[in-house]
Amino acid sequence: MSTTTTPDRYNEQFERLLMGPTRAFFGLGVDHLEKLVNVQLEATKAYTELGLRQWRTALEIREPKDLESYVQGQQEVVKTVGERVKGDAERVVALNREFAEKAQQLAQENASGFAKTARK
């Protein structure tokens, strides 16, 4: 005779088939969101610092040669921003790809768990 009661078995199945997978998926989502927010915060900080440096440099313009130097430096700023935007986009794409792969893996694991339970 089994020592496990029917409510205990239902609770165990409920945890294994519904709550466990739900918790795992939401945990995966929270981890992904945290990574995306960190990328955004890092990018915001970098763009803000670059913008402030540009404003400070512009405040130092006193004569035409300073202005000429400033304008020439803008080409480097545009290049830097372009590279940063590209890098940030690549990081977000990689994070999204990683999330999709982990979510798919989690779904497959849960599907096999459902299949095992259904066979019982």
Protein backbone atom coordinates (compact mmCIF):
# COMPACT_ATOMS: atom_id res chain seq x y z
CA MET A 1 0.00 0.00 0.00
CA SER A 2 1.30 3.45 -0.92
CA THR A 3 2.02 5.92 1.83
CA THR A 4 1.44 8.87 -0.51
CA THR A 5 -2.09 10.23 -0.33
CA THR A 6 -4.06 11.32 -3.35
CA PRO A 7 -3.87 15.06 -2.45
CA ASP A 8 -0.10 14.72 -2.05
CA ARG A 9 0.18 13.18 -5.51
CA TYR A 10 -1.97 15.95 -7.00
CA ASN A 11 0.15 18.58 -5.28
CA GLU A 12 3.32 16.91 -6.53
CA GLN A 13 1.99 16.74 -10.09
CA PHE A 14 0.72 20.32 -9.88
CA GLU A 15 4.18 21.48 -8.79
CA ARG A 16 6.03 19.36 -11.35
CA LEU A 17 3.75 20.01 -14.33
CA LEU A 18 2.56 23.56 -13.78
CA MET A 19 4.18 25.58 -11.04
CA GLY A 20 7.76 24.37 -11.53
CA PRO A 21 7.80 25.06 -15.27
CA THR A 22 5.98 28.37 -14.79
CA ARG A 23 8.48 29.47 -12.16
CA ALA A 24 11.39 28.38 -14.37
CA PHE A 25 10.04 30.30 -17.37
CA PHE A 26 9.37 33.47 -15.38
CA GLY A 27 12.81 33.19 -13.81
CA LEU A 28 14.30 32.96 -17.27
CA GLY A 29 12.31 36.03 -18.28
CA VAL A 30 13.46 38.02 -15.26
CA ASP A 31 17.09 37.09 -15.92
CA HIS A 32 16.70 38.18 -19.54
CA LEU A 33 15.07 41.45 -18.54
CA GLU A 34 17.87 42.16 -16.08
CA LYS A 35 20.48 41.62 -18.80
CA LEU A 36 18.62 43.89 -21.22
CA VAL A 37 18.26 46.63 -18.61
CA ASN A 38 21.98 46.42 -17.85
CA VAL A 39 22.80 46.82 -21.55
CA GLN A 40 20.51 49.84 -21.70
CA LEU A 41 21.99 51.38 -18.57
CA GLU A 42 25.54 50.91 -19.84
CA ALA A 43 24.60 52.41 -23.21
CA THR A 44 22.79 55.33 -21.61
CA LYS A 45 25.80 56.08 -19.43
CA ALA A 46 28.21 55.90 -22.38
CA TYR A 47 26.05 58.13 -24.61
CA THR A 48 25.50 60.62 -21.79
CA GLU A 49 29.22 60.84 -21.02
CA LEU A 50 30.00 61.33 -24.70
CA GLY A 51 27.38 64.05 -25.01
CA LEU A 52 28.62 65.87 -21.94
CA ARG A 53 32.21 65.72 -23.22
CA GLN A 54 31.01 67.24 -26.48
CA TRP A 55 29.22 70.05 -24.67
CA ARG A 56 32.26 70.76 -22.54
CA THR A 57 34.50 70.77 -25.61
CA ALA A 58 32.10 73.17 -27.36
CA LEU A 59 32.28 75.49 -24.36
CA GLU A 60 36.05 75.72 -24.87
CA ILE A 61 35.71 77.20 -28.37
CA ARG A 62 37.34 80.63 -28.24
CA GLU A 63 38.59 81.27 -31.76
CA PRO A 64 38.10 79.97 -35.31
CA LYS A 65 40.83 77.30 -35.07
CA ASP A 66 39.07 75.88 -31.98
CA LEU A 67 35.84 75.67 -33.95
CA GLU A 68 37.62 74.01 -36.85
CA SER A 69 39.16 71.45 -34.51
CA TYR A 70 35.79 70.83 -32.87
CA VAL A 71 34.05 70.26 -36.21
CA GLN A 72 36.79 67.89 -37.36
CA GLY A 73 36.45 65.99 -34.09
CA GLN A 74 32.76 65.46 -34.81
CA GLN A 75 33.68 62.92 -37.47
CA GLU A 76 35.35 60.80 -34.81
CA VAL A 77 32.36 61.25 -32.52
CA VAL A 78 30.00 60.05 -35.25
CA LYS A 79 32.24 57.05 -35.87
CA THR A 80 32.37 56.25 -32.14
CA VAL A 81 28.59 56.53 -31.77
CA GLY A 82 28.03 54.35 -34.85
CA GLU A 83 30.33 51.65 -33.50
CA ARG A 84 28.68 51.83 -30.09
CA VAL A 85 25.17 51.56 -31.54
CA LYS A 86 26.23 48.58 -33.64
CA GLY A 87 27.84 46.87 -30.64
CA ASP A 88 24.81 47.51 -28.44
CA ALA A 89 22.46 46.13 -31.11
CA GLU A 90 24.63 43.02 -31.46
CA ARG A 91 24.54 42.48 -27.69
CA VAL A 92 20.75 42.76 -27.61
CA VAL A 93 20.39 40.35 -30.54
CA ALA A 94 22.71 37.86 -28.80
CA LEU A 95 20.74 38.17 -25.54
CA ASN A 96 17.45 37.63 -27.37
CA ARG A 97 18.86 34.61 -29.20
CA GLU A 98 20.12 33.16 -25.92
CA PHE A 99 16.71 33.73 -24.31
CA ALA A 100 14.89 32.07 -27.22
CA GLU A 101 17.18 29.05 -27.10
CA LYS A 102 16.78 28.64 -23.34
CA ALA A 103 13.01 29.10 -23.56
CA GLN A 104 12.81 26.49 -26.32
CA GLN A 105 14.95 24.09 -24.29
CA LEU A 106 12.73 24.66 -21.25
CA ALA A 107 9.60 24.04 -23.34
CA GLN A 108 11.05 20.80 -24.70
CA GLU A 109 11.97 19.59 -21.22
CA ASN A 110 8.47 20.38 -19.97
CA ALA A 111 6.86 18.69 -22.96
CA SER A 112 8.81 15.52 -22.25
CA GLY A 113 7.70 15.76 -18.62
CA PHE A 114 4.07 16.01 -19.71
CA ALA A 115 4.54 13.04 -22.03
CA LYS A 116 6.02 10.91 -19.23
CA THR A 117 3.13 11.79 -16.94
CA ALA A 118 0.56 11.07 -19.64
CA ARG A 119 2.04 7.59 -20.18
CA LYS A 120 1.61 6.73 -16.50
